[in-house]
Amino acid sequence: MHYSEATNKPDKMDKMQKEAEEVLEIMHVNVDKVKDRGEKLEVLDERAEELLAASKTFQKSSKAVARQERFRNRKWKLIIGVTIALIVLIIIIIIVFAVPSSKSSPSVAPSASPQDQL
């Protein structure tokens, strides 16, 4: 029986060696995957920083555009208001000068009857 035990030990050793090599190979694959994940996370982090910077730039430019649009709207409202005021003023001036007032025009005397003229 010593012979069979002696032959079994190298088989066990070979089996254990193969298992150790398999575990080592799996560990190498896992380490490579962790490295790849780390690189991908770095790229993702860089993209996130770029997006943050771009969003801040967009926010500043959108505020500037909104400010410009408010100014344009106020400008047009002012122009329209002044135009309406001028039109109303012109209409009032036309009414005042076109319609004769009773004070400024001579009063028309009632016409004399033909008997009064004789």
C-alpha atoms as a PDB file:
ATOM      1  CA  MET A   1       0.000   0.000   0.000  1.00  0.00           C
ATOM      2  CA  HIS A   2       2.905   2.213   0.314  1.00  0.00           C
ATOM      3  CA  TYR A   3       3.255   2.203  -3.397  1.00  0.00           C
ATOM      4  CA  SER A   4      -0.303   3.423  -4.049  1.00  0.00           C
ATOM      5  CA  GLU A   5       0.003   6.117  -1.409  1.00  0.00           C
ATOM      6  CA  ALA A   6       3.217   7.265  -2.980  1.00  0.00           C
ATOM      7  CA  THR A   7       1.568   7.512  -6.392  1.00  0.00           C
ATOM      8  CA  ASN A   8      -1.474   9.309  -4.944  1.00  0.00           C
ATOM      9  CA  LYS A   9       0.638  12.041  -3.343  1.00  0.00           C
ATOM     10  CA  PRO A  10       2.067  13.275  -6.634  1.00  0.00           C
ATOM     11  CA  ASP A  11      -1.432  13.189  -8.126  1.00  0.00           C
ATOM     12  CA  LYS A  12      -2.735  15.254  -5.228  1.00  0.00           C
ATOM     13  CA  MET A  13       0.184  17.592  -5.538  1.00  0.00           C
ATOM     14  CA  ASP A  14      -0.387  17.964  -9.269  1.00  0.00           C
ATOM     15  CA  LYS A  15      -4.085  18.554  -8.676  1.00  0.00           C
ATOM     16  CA  MET A  16      -3.369  21.156  -6.004  1.00  0.00           C
ATOM     17  CA  GLN A  17      -0.774  22.801  -8.248  1.00  0.00           C
ATOM     18  CA  LYS A  18      -3.292  23.025 -11.086  1.00  0.00           C
ATOM     19  CA  GLU A  19      -5.919  24.483  -8.766  1.00  0.00           C
ATOM     20  CA  ALA A  20      -3.397  27.023  -7.476  1.00  0.00           C
ATOM     21  CA  GLU A  21      -2.518  27.996 -11.057  1.00  0.00           C
ATOM     22  CA  GLU A  22      -6.223  28.349 -11.920  1.00  0.00           C
ATOM     23  CA  VAL A  23      -6.776  30.525  -8.869  1.00  0.00           C
ATOM     24  CA  LEU A  24      -3.709  32.572  -9.811  1.00  0.00           C
ATOM     25  CA  GLU A  25      -5.011  33.019 -13.364  1.00  0.00           C
ATOM     26  CA  ILE A  26      -8.435  34.077 -12.061  1.00  0.00           C
ATOM     27  CA  MET A  27      -6.713  36.561  -9.739  1.00  0.00           C
ATOM     28  CA  HIS A  28      -4.751  38.028 -12.690  1.00  0.00           C
ATOM     29  CA  VAL A  29      -7.981  38.392 -14.695  1.00  0.00           C
ATOM     30  CA  ASN A  30      -9.683  40.069 -11.727  1.00  0.00           C
ATOM     31  CA  VAL A  31      -6.764  42.447 -11.246  1.00  0.00           C
ATOM     32  CA  ASP A  32      -6.917  43.375 -14.948  1.00  0.00           C
ATOM     33  CA  LYS A  33     -10.664  43.979 -14.647  1.00  0.00           C
ATOM     34  CA  VAL A  34     -10.124  46.206 -11.605  1.00  0.00           C
ATOM     35  CA  LYS A  35      -7.492  48.197 -13.519  1.00  0.00           C
ATOM     36  CA  ASP A  36      -9.853  48.587 -16.482  1.00  0.00           C
ATOM     37  CA  ARG A  37     -12.651  49.680 -14.171  1.00  0.00           C
ATOM     38  CA  GLY A  38     -10.326  52.196 -12.525  1.00  0.00           C
ATOM     39  CA  GLU A  39      -9.396  53.646 -15.923  1.00  0.00           C
ATOM     40  CA  LYS A  40     -13.041  53.824 -16.932  1.00  0.00           C
ATOM     41  CA  LEU A  41     -13.895  55.562 -13.665  1.00  0.00           C
ATOM     42  CA  GLU A  42     -11.129  58.100 -14.281  1.00  0.00           C
ATOM     43  CA  VAL A  43     -12.486  58.795 -17.761  1.00  0.00           C
ATOM     44  CA  LEU A  44     -15.986  59.085 -16.345  1.00  0.00           C
ATOM     45  CA  ASP A  45     -14.754  61.471 -13.650  1.00  0.00           C
ATOM     46  CA  GLU A  46     -13.042  63.644 -16.272  1.00  0.00           C
ATOM     47  CA  ARG A  47     -16.226  63.736 -18.344  1.00  0.00           C
ATOM     48  CA  ALA A  48     -18.245  64.690 -15.277  1.00  0.00           C
ATOM     49  CA  GLU A  49     -15.856  67.574 -14.567  1.00  0.00           C
ATOM     50  CA  GLU A  50     -16.101  68.722 -18.189  1.00  0.00           C
ATOM     51  CA  LEU A  51     -19.899  68.575 -18.026  1.00  0.00           C
ATOM     52  CA  LEU A  52     -19.878  70.578 -14.814  1.00  0.00           C
ATOM     53  CA  ALA A  53     -17.686  73.250 -16.388  1.00  0.00           C
ATOM     54  CA  ALA A  54     -19.880  73.306 -19.497  1.00  0.00           C
ATOM     55  CA  SER A  55     -23.032  73.611 -17.395  1.00  0.00           C
ATOM     56  CA  LYS A  56     -21.580  76.581 -15.504  1.00  0.00           C
ATOM     57  CA  THR A  57     -20.678  78.259 -18.802  1.00  0.00           C
ATOM     58  CA  PHE A  58     -24.150  77.554 -20.162  1.00  0.00           C
ATOM     59  CA  GLN A  59     -25.763  78.964 -17.027  1.00  0.00           C
ATOM     60  CA  LYS A  60     -23.750  82.192 -17.300  1.00  0.00           C
ATOM     61  CA  SER A  61     -24.508  82.606 -20.995  1.00  0.00           C
ATOM     62  CA  SER A  62     -28.211  81.836 -20.514  1.00  0.00           C
ATOM     63  CA  LYS A  63     -28.432  84.497 -17.808  1.00  0.00           C
ATOM     64  CA  ALA A  64     -26.745  86.985 -20.139  1.00  0.00           C
ATOM     65  CA  VAL A  65     -29.155  86.131 -22.954  1.00  0.00           C
ATOM     66  CA  ALA A  66     -32.136  86.440 -20.611  1.00  0.00           C
ATOM     67  CA  ARG A  67     -30.886  89.851 -19.480  1.00  0.00           C
ATOM     68  CA  GLN A  68     -30.523  90.984 -23.110  1.00  0.00           C
ATOM     69  CA  GLU A  69     -34.033  89.786 -23.938  1.00  0.00           C
ATOM     70  CA  ARG A  70     -35.501  91.645 -20.955  1.00  0.00           C
ATOM     71  CA  PHE A  71     -33.720  94.795 -22.106  1.00  0.00           C
ATOM     72  CA  ARG A  72     -35.070  94.383 -25.653  1.00  0.00           C
ATOM     73  CA  ASN A  73     -38.597  93.829 -24.331  1.00  0.00           C
ATOM     74  CA  ARG A  74     -38.376  96.932 -22.154  1.00  0.00           C
ATOM     75  CA  LYS A  75     -37.010  98.930 -25.064  1.00  0.00           C
ATOM     76  CA  TRP A  76     -39.888  97.873 -27.329  1.00  0.00           C
ATOM     77  CA  LYS A  77     -42.462  98.556 -24.615  1.00  0.00           C
ATOM     78  CA  LEU A  78     -40.973 102.028 -24.174  1.00  0.00           C
ATOM     79  CA  ILE A  79     -41.011 102.682 -27.929  1.00  0.00           C
ATOM     80  CA  ILE A  80     -44.621 101.519 -28.211  1.00  0.00           C
ATOM     81  CA  GLY A  81     -45.649 103.600 -25.180  1.00  0.00           C
ATOM     82  CA  VAL A  82     -43.995 106.746 -26.560  1.00  0.00           C
ATOM     83  CA  THR A  83     -45.560 106.134 -29.980  1.00  0.00           C
ATOM     84  CA  ILE A  84     -49.036 105.772 -28.480  1.00  0.00           C
ATOM     85  CA  ALA A  85     -48.513 108.884 -26.359  1.00  0.00           C
ATOM     86  CA  LEU A  86     -47.442 110.857 -29.453  1.00  0.00           C
ATOM     87  CA  ILE A  87     -50.453 109.646 -31.428  1.00  0.00           C
ATOM     88  CA  VAL A  88     -52.794 110.641 -28.600  1.00  0.00           C
ATOM     89  CA  LEU A  89     -51.053 114.030 -28.340  1.00  0.00           C
ATOM     90  CA  ILE A  90     -51.380 114.625 -32.086  1.00  0.00           C
ATOM     91  CA  ILE A  91     -55.075 113.689 -31.984  1.00  0.00           C
ATOM     92  CA  ILE A  92     -55.633 116.092 -29.080  1.00  0.00           C
ATOM     93  CA  ILE A  93     -53.792 118.885 -30.905  1.00  0.00           C
ATOM     94  CA  ILE A  94     -55.828 118.276 -34.052  1.00  0.00           C
ATOM     95  CA  ILE A  95     -59.060 118.330 -32.057  1.00  0.00           C
ATOM     96  CA  VAL A  96     -58.091 121.539 -30.239  1.00  0.00           C
ATOM     97  CA  PHE A  97     -57.067 123.458 -33.349  1.00  0.00           C
ATOM     98  CA  ALA A  98     -59.545 122.017 -35.837  1.00  0.00           C
ATOM     99  CA  VAL A  99     -62.703 122.477 -33.826  1.00  0.00           C
ATOM    100  CA  PRO A 100     -63.399 126.176 -33.310  1.00  0.00           C
ATOM    101  CA  SER A 101     -64.187 127.046 -29.773  1.00  0.00           C
ATOM    102  CA  SER A 102     -67.076 129.330 -28.904  1.00  0.00           C
ATOM    103  CA  LYS A 103     -64.785 131.889 -27.237  1.00  0.00           C
ATOM    104  CA  SER A 104     -62.398 132.419 -30.098  1.00  0.00           C
ATOM    105  CA  SER A 105     -64.879 132.614 -32.959  1.00  0.00           C
ATOM    106  CA  PRO A 106     -67.086 135.647 -33.345  1.00  0.00           C
ATOM    107  CA  SER A 107     -70.614 134.972 -32.429  1.00  0.00           C
ATOM    108  CA  VAL A 108     -72.985 135.077 -35.265  1.00  0.00           C
ATOM    109  CA  ALA A 109     -75.627 137.694 -34.717  1.00  0.00           C
ATOM    110  CA  PRO A 110     -79.115 136.611 -35.385  1.00  0.00           C
ATOM    111  CA  SER A 111     -80.056 137.697 -38.798  1.00  0.00           C
ATOM    112  CA  ALA A 112     -82.067 140.794 -38.923  1.00  0.00           C
ATOM    113  CA  SER A 113     -85.528 140.603 -40.291  1.00  0.00           C
ATOM    114  CA  PRO A 114     -86.115 142.424 -43.559  1.00  0.00           C
ATOM    115  CA  GLN A 115     -88.268 144.976 -41.805  1.00  0.00           C
ATOM    116  CA  ASP A 116     -85.428 145.965 -39.491  1.00  0.00           C
ATOM    117  CA  GLN A 117     -83.204 146.687 -42.407  1.00  0.00           C
ATOM    118  CA  LEU A 118     -85.536 149.354 -43.791  1.00  0.00           C
END
